[in-house]
Protein backbone atom coordinates (compact mmCIF):
# COMPACT_ATOMS: atom_id res chain seq x y z
CA UNK A 1 -25.60 -12.22 -23.75
CA UNK A 2 -28.68 -10.17 -24.35
CA UNK A 3 -29.39 -6.60 -25.32
CA UNK A 4 -29.81 -5.50 -21.69
CA UNK A 5 -26.30 -6.70 -20.89
CA UNK A 6 -24.81 -4.60 -23.70
CA UNK A 7 -26.89 -1.56 -22.77
CA UNK A 8 -25.70 -1.79 -19.16
CA UNK A 9 -22.10 -2.28 -20.28
CA UNK A 10 -22.36 0.84 -22.46
CA UNK A 11 -23.65 2.83 -19.49
CA UNK A 12 -20.77 1.63 -17.30
CA UNK A 13 -18.20 2.49 -19.96
CA UNK A 14 -19.69 6.00 -20.34
CA UNK A 15 -19.48 6.48 -16.56
CA UNK A 16 -15.78 5.62 -16.69
CA UNK A 17 -15.28 7.89 -19.72
CA UNK A 18 -16.66 10.85 -17.77
CA UNK A 19 -13.62 10.64 -15.49
CA UNK A 20 -10.96 9.93 -18.13
CA UNK A 21 -8.51 12.15 -19.99
CA UNK A 22 -9.65 13.35 -23.44
CA UNK A 23 -7.84 10.67 -25.47
CA UNK A 24 -9.09 7.77 -23.36
CA UNK A 25 -12.53 9.36 -23.05
CA UNK A 26 -13.01 9.31 -26.83
CA UNK A 27 -11.90 5.70 -27.07
CA UNK A 28 -14.27 4.70 -24.27
CA UNK A 29 -17.17 6.56 -25.87
CA UNK A 30 -16.45 4.76 -29.14
CA UNK A 31 -16.53 1.48 -27.26
CA UNK A 32 -19.83 2.40 -25.61
CA UNK A 33 -21.30 3.17 -29.03
CA UNK A 34 -20.30 -0.30 -30.19
CA UNK A 35 -21.98 -1.84 -27.15
CA UNK A 36 -25.11 0.11 -28.02
CA UNK A 37 -24.91 -1.15 -31.57
CA UNK A 38 -24.90 2.40 -32.87
CA UNK A 39 -21.79 1.88 -34.92
CA UNK A 40 -20.92 -1.26 -36.76
CA UNK A 41 -17.18 -1.53 -37.20
CA UNK A 42 -14.90 -4.25 -38.31
CA UNK A 43 -11.49 -4.74 -36.81
CA UNK A 44 -8.69 -3.80 -39.16
CA UNK A 45 -5.52 -5.67 -38.23
CA UNK A 46 -2.26 -3.79 -38.12
CA UNK A 47 0.23 -4.67 -40.84
CA UNK A 48 2.83 -7.13 -39.67
CA UNK A 49 6.56 -6.63 -39.94
CA UNK A 50 8.31 -8.89 -42.44
CA UNK A 51 9.73 -11.97 -40.79
CA UNK A 52 13.48 -12.47 -40.86
CA UNK A 53 14.55 -15.36 -43.04
CA UNK A 54 16.12 -18.12 -40.97
CA UNK A 55 17.77 -21.33 -42.01
CA UNK A 56 16.92 -24.62 -40.24
CA UNK A 57 19.67 -24.10 -37.64
CA UNK A 58 17.94 -20.93 -36.48
CA UNK A 59 20.63 -18.59 -37.78
CA UNK A 60 19.78 -15.70 -40.04
CA UNK A 61 20.32 -16.24 -43.72
CA UNK A 62 23.31 -14.14 -44.85
CA UNK A 63 21.46 -13.04 -47.97
CA UNK A 64 18.63 -11.44 -45.95
CA UNK A 65 20.89 -8.85 -44.36
């Protein structure tokens, strides 16, 4: 994908943002900025919930609560 593709995608996303509610509009404008390469961001994963301890039979371990 070349630079023209990303520029066009950014334009399309901004067109959609113009019709969106304020919360979605801001998210779409942020996305358009990323397509334009104006803002370099890295994805920060959400923290995961601790997994429940299970024994081999698939039942929860009584010591884990």
